[in-house]
Amino acid sequence: MTDKDTSKHKLKWEMNVPIFKNPIILKQLGIAFGLPFGILSIILITITQEIRYLAYFFVLIGILFFLTYLAIMILYKGKYDVGFVIDDKCIRCYTQKAQAKKNKMINSLAFIFGILLGKPGVAGAGLLAQARQDETIKWKNIKNVKYRPKYNMILIKGNFAENMAVFCTKDNYEKAKSEIDKLTIKK
């Protein structure tokens, strides 16, 4: 979808979502970081005989989390710059241009370093992250919609791997909800 199509938009908005204050983003971060490190912690606690090795592990993990937090605060000012478009065909979520440019650079570096260092997981993560900068879900693919008015958020689940959190402003939440209700019923 291009900007030439703006006459077809039922609703379009952009906003900056605070990363460390949004419950959905925090939950996803908790799953992405907490689950693997939690499992690793349990394994290490059960097999490690010396407490100092556990201390090293937890200190290193703490430093990693702190550096990640700092990087997000410095690079992104602690915000996710996102935009949404609702039209008759689909709902679109995209990263705003300035942040998309930073993301492209970081994702490209992850891909390049992953290839150079022989780490296919890192290279793949860079590719996957870049691929998710602009996503759409067609109305006919939507299986479930959950409304979170307390957070001005709408969670949309489509087919496999088609999930989207629609962040709204206080002013447009009801309008977005109404449009999504209309268009999901119409399918």
C-alpha atoms as a PDB file:
ATOM      1  CA  MET A   1       0.000   0.000   0.000  1.00  0.00           C
ATOM      2  CA  THR A   2       1.418   3.386  -0.935  1.00  0.00           C
ATOM      3  CA  ASP A   3       0.717   6.872   0.300  1.00  0.00           C
ATOM      4  CA  LYS A   4      -1.151   7.507  -2.978  1.00  0.00           C
ATOM      5  CA  ASP A   5      -3.922   5.267  -1.608  1.00  0.00           C
ATOM      6  CA  THR A   6      -4.773   7.678   1.229  1.00  0.00           C
ATOM      7  CA  SER A   7      -8.233   8.381  -0.179  1.00  0.00           C
ATOM      8  CA  LYS A   8      -9.138   4.718   0.489  1.00  0.00           C
ATOM      9  CA  HIS A   9      -8.065   4.819   4.149  1.00  0.00           C
ATOM     10  CA  LYS A  10     -10.854   4.632   6.613  1.00  0.00           C
ATOM     11  CA  LEU A  11      -8.474   5.428   9.431  1.00  0.00           C
ATOM     12  CA  LYS A  12      -4.751   6.218   9.627  1.00  0.00           C
ATOM     13  CA  TRP A  13      -2.575   7.305  12.562  1.00  0.00           C
ATOM     14  CA  GLU A  14       0.955   7.244  13.896  1.00  0.00           C
ATOM     15  CA  MET A  15       2.091   7.235  17.490  1.00  0.00           C
ATOM     16  CA  ASN A  16       5.027   6.602  19.807  1.00  0.00           C
ATOM     17  CA  VAL A  17       4.438   3.707  22.198  1.00  0.00           C
ATOM     18  CA  PRO A  18       6.593   3.651  25.368  1.00  0.00           C
ATOM     19  CA  ILE A  19       8.391   0.290  25.326  1.00  0.00           C
ATOM     20  CA  PHE A  20       8.888  -0.154  29.065  1.00  0.00           C
ATOM     21  CA  LYS A  21       5.411   1.054  30.079  1.00  0.00           C
ATOM     22  CA  ASN A  22       3.219  -0.973  27.736  1.00  0.00           C
ATOM     23  CA  PRO A  23       1.993  -4.280  29.221  1.00  0.00           C
ATOM     24  CA  ILE A  24       1.900  -6.150  25.897  1.00  0.00           C
ATOM     25  CA  ILE A  25       5.442  -5.141  24.965  1.00  0.00           C
ATOM     26  CA  LEU A  26       6.665  -5.966  28.483  1.00  0.00           C
ATOM     27  CA  LYS A  27       4.966  -9.371  28.301  1.00  0.00           C
ATOM     28  CA  GLN A  28       6.628 -10.108  24.938  1.00  0.00           C
ATOM     29  CA  LEU A  29      10.007  -8.997  26.283  1.00  0.00           C
ATOM     30  CA  GLY A  30       9.451 -11.169  29.339  1.00  0.00           C
ATOM     31  CA  ILE A  31       8.745 -14.187  27.152  1.00  0.00           C
ATOM     32  CA  ALA A  32      11.612 -13.465  24.742  1.00  0.00           C
ATOM     33  CA  PHE A  33      14.204 -12.921  27.483  1.00  0.00           C
ATOM     34  CA  GLY A  34      12.727 -14.411  30.634  1.00  0.00           C
ATOM     35  CA  LEU A  35      11.816 -17.820  29.290  1.00  0.00           C
ATOM     36  CA  PRO A  36      15.222 -18.842  27.886  1.00  0.00           C
ATOM     37  CA  PHE A  37      17.186 -17.264  30.741  1.00  0.00           C
ATOM     38  CA  GLY A  38      14.765 -18.708  33.282  1.00  0.00           C
ATOM     39  CA  ILE A  39      15.181 -22.217  31.882  1.00  0.00           C
ATOM     40  CA  LEU A  40      18.951 -21.768  31.725  1.00  0.00           C
ATOM     41  CA  SER A  41      18.953 -20.509  35.333  1.00  0.00           C
ATOM     42  CA  ILE A  42      17.022 -23.555  36.544  1.00  0.00           C
ATOM     43  CA  ILE A  43      19.396 -25.892  34.726  1.00  0.00           C
ATOM     44  CA  LEU A  44      22.453 -24.135  36.133  1.00  0.00           C
ATOM     45  CA  ILE A  45      21.062 -24.109  39.669  1.00  0.00           C
ATOM     46  CA  THR A  46      20.424 -27.855  39.519  1.00  0.00           C
ATOM     47  CA  ILE A  47      23.801 -28.857  38.045  1.00  0.00           C
ATOM     48  CA  THR A  48      26.211 -26.308  39.514  1.00  0.00           C
ATOM     49  CA  GLN A  49      28.112 -27.302  42.630  1.00  0.00           C
ATOM     50  CA  GLU A  50      29.815 -23.970  43.263  1.00  0.00           C
ATOM     51  CA  ILE A  51      27.811 -20.890  44.089  1.00  0.00           C
ATOM     52  CA  ARG A  52      30.368 -18.523  42.590  1.00  0.00           C
ATOM     53  CA  TYR A  53      29.612 -19.797  39.067  1.00  0.00           C
ATOM     54  CA  LEU A  54      25.943 -19.038  39.600  1.00  0.00           C
ATOM     55  CA  ALA A  55      26.882 -15.589  40.854  1.00  0.00           C
ATOM     56  CA  TYR A  56      28.953 -14.985  37.687  1.00  0.00           C
ATOM     57  CA  PHE A  57      26.036 -16.096  35.556  1.00  0.00           C
ATOM     58  CA  PHE A  58      23.493 -13.875  37.281  1.00  0.00           C
ATOM     59  CA  VAL A  59      25.842 -10.861  37.278  1.00  0.00           C
ATOM     60  CA  LEU A  60      26.505 -11.321  33.555  1.00  0.00           C
ATOM     61  CA  ILE A  61      22.795 -11.681  32.801  1.00  0.00           C
ATOM     62  CA  GLY A  62      22.073  -8.565  34.874  1.00  0.00           C
ATOM     63  CA  ILE A  63      24.721  -6.637  32.929  1.00  0.00           C
ATOM     64  CA  LEU A  64      23.265  -7.921  29.639  1.00  0.00           C
ATOM     65  CA  PHE A  65      19.754  -6.787  30.599  1.00  0.00           C
ATOM     66  CA  PHE A  66      21.044  -3.392  31.728  1.00  0.00           C
ATOM     67  CA  LEU A  67      23.029  -2.869  28.498  1.00  0.00           C
ATOM     68  CA  THR A  68      19.986  -3.890  26.454  1.00  0.00           C
ATOM     69  CA  TYR A  69      17.860  -1.390  28.373  1.00  0.00           C
ATOM     70  CA  LEU A  70      20.479   1.325  27.793  1.00  0.00           C
ATOM     71  CA  ALA A  71      20.688   0.543  24.072  1.00  0.00           C
ATOM     72  CA  ILE A  72      16.907   0.793  23.697  1.00  0.00           C
ATOM     73  CA  MET A  73      16.817   4.053  25.647  1.00  0.00           C
ATOM     74  CA  ILE A  74      19.689   5.553  23.620  1.00  0.00           C
ATOM     75  CA  LEU A  75      18.794   4.281  20.138  1.00  0.00           C
ATOM     76  CA  TYR A  76      15.008   4.503  20.378  1.00  0.00           C
ATOM     77  CA  LYS A  77      14.458   6.885  23.298  1.00  0.00           C
ATOM     78  CA  GLY A  78      12.458   4.104  24.928  1.00  0.00           C
ATOM     79  CA  LYS A  79       9.682   4.327  22.315  1.00  0.00           C
ATOM     80  CA  TYR A  80       8.332   2.239  19.464  1.00  0.00           C
ATOM     81  CA  ASP A  81       7.321   4.567  16.600  1.00  0.00           C
ATOM     82  CA  VAL A  82       4.463   2.824  14.852  1.00  0.00           C
ATOM     83  CA  GLY A  83       1.697   3.642  12.392  1.00  0.00           C
ATOM     84  CA  PHE A  84      -1.562   1.958  11.457  1.00  0.00           C
ATOM     85  CA  VAL A  85      -3.878   2.030   8.466  1.00  0.00           C
ATOM     86  CA  ILE A  86      -7.358   0.548   8.414  1.00  0.00           C
ATOM     87  CA  ASP A  87      -9.050   0.246   5.012  1.00  0.00           C
ATOM     88  CA  ASP A  88     -11.571  -2.049   3.321  1.00  0.00           C
ATOM     89  CA  LYS A  89      -8.994  -4.736   2.503  1.00  0.00           C
ATOM     90  CA  CYS A  90      -6.795  -5.055   5.575  1.00  0.00           C
ATOM     91  CA  ILE A  91      -5.257  -3.564   8.664  1.00  0.00           C
ATOM     92  CA  ARG A  92      -1.650  -2.472   8.269  1.00  0.00           C
ATOM     93  CA  CYS A  93       0.982  -1.894  10.944  1.00  0.00           C
ATOM     94  CA  TYR A  94       4.259  -0.258   9.990  1.00  0.00           C
ATOM     95  CA  THR A  95       7.320   1.189  11.670  1.00  0.00           C
ATOM     96  CA  GLN A  96       7.611   4.938  11.108  1.00  0.00           C
ATOM     97  CA  LYS A  97      10.319   6.036   8.658  1.00  0.00           C
ATOM     98  CA  ALA A  98      12.983   7.341  11.066  1.00  0.00           C
ATOM     99  CA  GLN A  99      12.833   4.261  13.268  1.00  0.00           C
ATOM    100  CA  ALA A 100      12.555   1.929  10.259  1.00  0.00           C
ATOM    101  CA  LYS A 101      15.825   3.381   8.966  1.00  0.00           C
ATOM    102  CA  LYS A 102      17.577   2.664  12.306  1.00  0.00           C
ATOM    103  CA  ASN A 103      16.046  -0.805  12.405  1.00  0.00           C
ATOM    104  CA  LYS A 104      17.228  -1.565   8.876  1.00  0.00           C
ATOM    105  CA  MET A 105      20.788  -0.626   9.819  1.00  0.00           C
ATOM    106  CA  ILE A 106      20.730  -2.728  13.020  1.00  0.00           C
ATOM    107  CA  ASN A 107      19.048  -5.689  11.305  1.00  0.00           C
ATOM    108  CA  SER A 108      21.554  -5.538   8.419  1.00  0.00           C
ATOM    109  CA  LEU A 109      24.454  -5.497  10.893  1.00  0.00           C
ATOM    110  CA  ALA A 110      22.961  -8.496  12.714  1.00  0.00           C
ATOM    111  CA  PHE A 111      22.677 -10.355   9.414  1.00  0.00           C
ATOM    112  CA  ILE A 112      26.225  -9.473   8.300  1.00  0.00           C
ATOM    113  CA  PHE A 113      27.829 -10.291  11.674  1.00  0.00           C
ATOM    114  CA  GLY A 114      25.795 -13.488  11.859  1.00  0.00           C
ATOM    115  CA  ILE A 115      27.147 -14.601   8.482  1.00  0.00           C
ATOM    116  CA  LEU A 116      30.727 -13.498   9.211  1.00  0.00           C
ATOM    117  CA  LEU A 117      30.811 -15.135  12.647  1.00  0.00           C
ATOM    118  CA  GLY A 118      29.105 -18.314  11.473  1.00  0.00           C
ATOM    119  CA  LYS A 119      26.010 -17.698  13.630  1.00  0.00           C
ATOM    120  CA  PRO A 120      22.978 -18.529  11.463  1.00  0.00           C
ATOM    121  CA  GLY A 121      20.589 -17.747  14.348  1.00  0.00           C
ATOM    122  CA  VAL A 122      21.828 -14.151  14.529  1.00  0.00           C
ATOM    123  CA  ALA A 123      21.670 -13.769  10.738  1.00  0.00           C
ATOM    124  CA  GLY A 124      18.147 -15.220  10.703  1.00  0.00           C
ATOM    125  CA  ALA A 125      17.021 -12.941  13.538  1.00  0.00           C
ATOM    126  CA  GLY A 126      18.221  -9.930  11.529  1.00  0.00           C
ATOM    127  CA  LEU A 127      16.276 -11.091   8.472  1.00  0.00           C
ATOM    128  CA  LEU A 128      13.105 -11.867  10.434  1.00  0.00           C
ATOM    129  CA  ALA A 129      13.190  -8.562  12.275  1.00  0.00           C
ATOM    130  CA  GLN A 130      13.530  -6.675   8.993  1.00  0.00           C
ATOM    131  CA  ALA A 131      10.667  -8.606   7.436  1.00  0.00           C
ATOM    132  CA  ARG A 132       8.303  -7.498  10.221  1.00  0.00           C
ATOM    133  CA  GLN A 133       8.723  -3.747   9.695  1.00  0.00           C
ATOM    134  CA  ASP A 134       5.529  -3.503   7.636  1.00  0.00           C
ATOM    135  CA  GLU A 135       2.761  -6.051   8.104  1.00  0.00           C
ATOM    136  CA  THR A 136      -0.828  -6.429   7.018  1.00  0.00           C
ATOM    137  CA  ILE A 137      -3.613  -8.768   8.008  1.00  0.00           C
ATOM    138  CA  LYS A 138      -6.506  -9.177   5.598  1.00  0.00           C
ATOM    139  CA  TRP A 139      -9.943  -9.002   7.177  1.00  0.00           C
ATOM    140  CA  LYS A 140     -10.846 -12.479   5.911  1.00  0.00           C
ATOM    141  CA  ASN A 141      -7.840 -13.939   7.815  1.00  0.00           C
ATOM    142  CA  ILE A 142      -8.782 -12.521  11.216  1.00  0.00           C
ATOM    143  CA  LYS A 143      -9.734 -15.258  13.686  1.00  0.00           C
ATOM    144  CA  ASN A 144      -9.924 -13.346  16.965  1.00  0.00           C
ATOM    145  CA  VAL A 145     -10.045  -9.743  18.189  1.00  0.00           C
ATOM    146  CA  LYS A 146      -9.524  -8.730  21.825  1.00  0.00           C
ATOM    147  CA  TYR A 147     -10.159  -5.211  23.024  1.00  0.00           C
ATOM    148  CA  ARG A 148      -8.127  -3.686  25.845  1.00  0.00           C
ATOM    149  CA  PRO A 149      -9.770  -0.279  26.433  1.00  0.00           C
ATOM    150  CA  LYS A 150      -7.764   0.297  29.620  1.00  0.00           C
ATOM    151  CA  TYR A 151      -4.590   0.402  27.470  1.00  0.00           C
ATOM    152  CA  ASN A 152      -6.189   1.779  24.266  1.00  0.00           C
ATOM    153  CA  MET A 153      -5.092  -1.387  22.526  1.00  0.00           C
ATOM    154  CA  ILE A 154      -6.667  -3.964  20.224  1.00  0.00           C
ATOM    155  CA  LEU A 155      -5.098  -7.423  19.803  1.00  0.00           C
ATOM    156  CA  ILE A 156      -5.713  -9.108  16.474  1.00  0.00           C
ATOM    157  CA  LYS A 157      -4.989 -12.752  15.686  1.00  0.00           C
ATOM    158  CA  GLY A 158      -5.104 -13.971  12.131  1.00  0.00           C
ATOM    159  CA  ASN A 159      -3.755 -17.097  10.502  1.00  0.00           C
ATOM    160  CA  PHE A 160      -0.544 -18.732  11.712  1.00  0.00           C
ATOM    161  CA  ALA A 161       2.015 -16.048  12.726  1.00  0.00           C
ATOM    162  CA  GLU A 162      -0.403 -13.229  11.858  1.00  0.00           C
ATOM    163  CA  ASN A 163      -0.689 -11.349  15.137  1.00  0.00           C
ATOM    164  CA  MET A 164      -0.878  -7.617  15.627  1.00  0.00           C
ATOM    165  CA  ALA A 165      -1.185  -5.281  18.569  1.00  0.00           C
ATOM    166  CA  VAL A 166      -3.009  -2.155  17.432  1.00  0.00           C
ATOM    167  CA  PHE A 167      -1.980   0.720  19.683  1.00  0.00           C
ATOM    168  CA  CYS A 168      -4.502   3.549  19.671  1.00  0.00           C
ATOM    169  CA  THR A 169      -4.662   7.018  21.128  1.00  0.00           C
ATOM    170  CA  LYS A 170      -7.368   7.913  23.638  1.00  0.00           C
ATOM    171  CA  ASP A 171      -8.998   9.968  20.887  1.00  0.00           C
ATOM    172  CA  ASN A 172      -9.155   7.280  18.182  1.00  0.00           C
ATOM    173  CA  TYR A 173      -9.628   4.049  20.170  1.00  0.00           C
ATOM    174  CA  GLU A 174     -13.423   3.969  19.802  1.00  0.00           C
ATOM    175  CA  LYS A 175     -13.252   4.843  16.094  1.00  0.00           C
ATOM    176  CA  ALA A 176     -10.649   2.105  15.470  1.00  0.00           C
ATOM    177  CA  LYS A 177     -12.733  -0.390  17.485  1.00  0.00           C
ATOM    178  CA  SER A 178     -15.833   0.501  15.486  1.00  0.00           C
ATOM    179  CA  GLU A 179     -14.054   0.113  12.127  1.00  0.00           C
ATOM    180  CA  ILE A 180     -12.479  -3.201  13.142  1.00  0.00           C
ATOM    181  CA  ASP A 181     -15.840  -4.484  14.395  1.00  0.00           C
ATOM    182  CA  LYS A 182     -17.522  -3.502  11.118  1.00  0.00           C
ATOM    183  CA  LEU A 183     -14.837  -4.950   8.877  1.00  0.00           C
ATOM    184  CA  THR A 184     -14.396  -8.229  10.757  1.00  0.00           C
ATOM    185  CA  ILE A 185     -18.152  -8.839  10.747  1.00  0.00           C
ATOM    186  CA  LYS A 186     -18.268  -8.100   7.004  1.00  0.00           C
ATOM    187  CA  LYS A 187     -15.778 -10.846   6.148  1.00  0.00           C
END
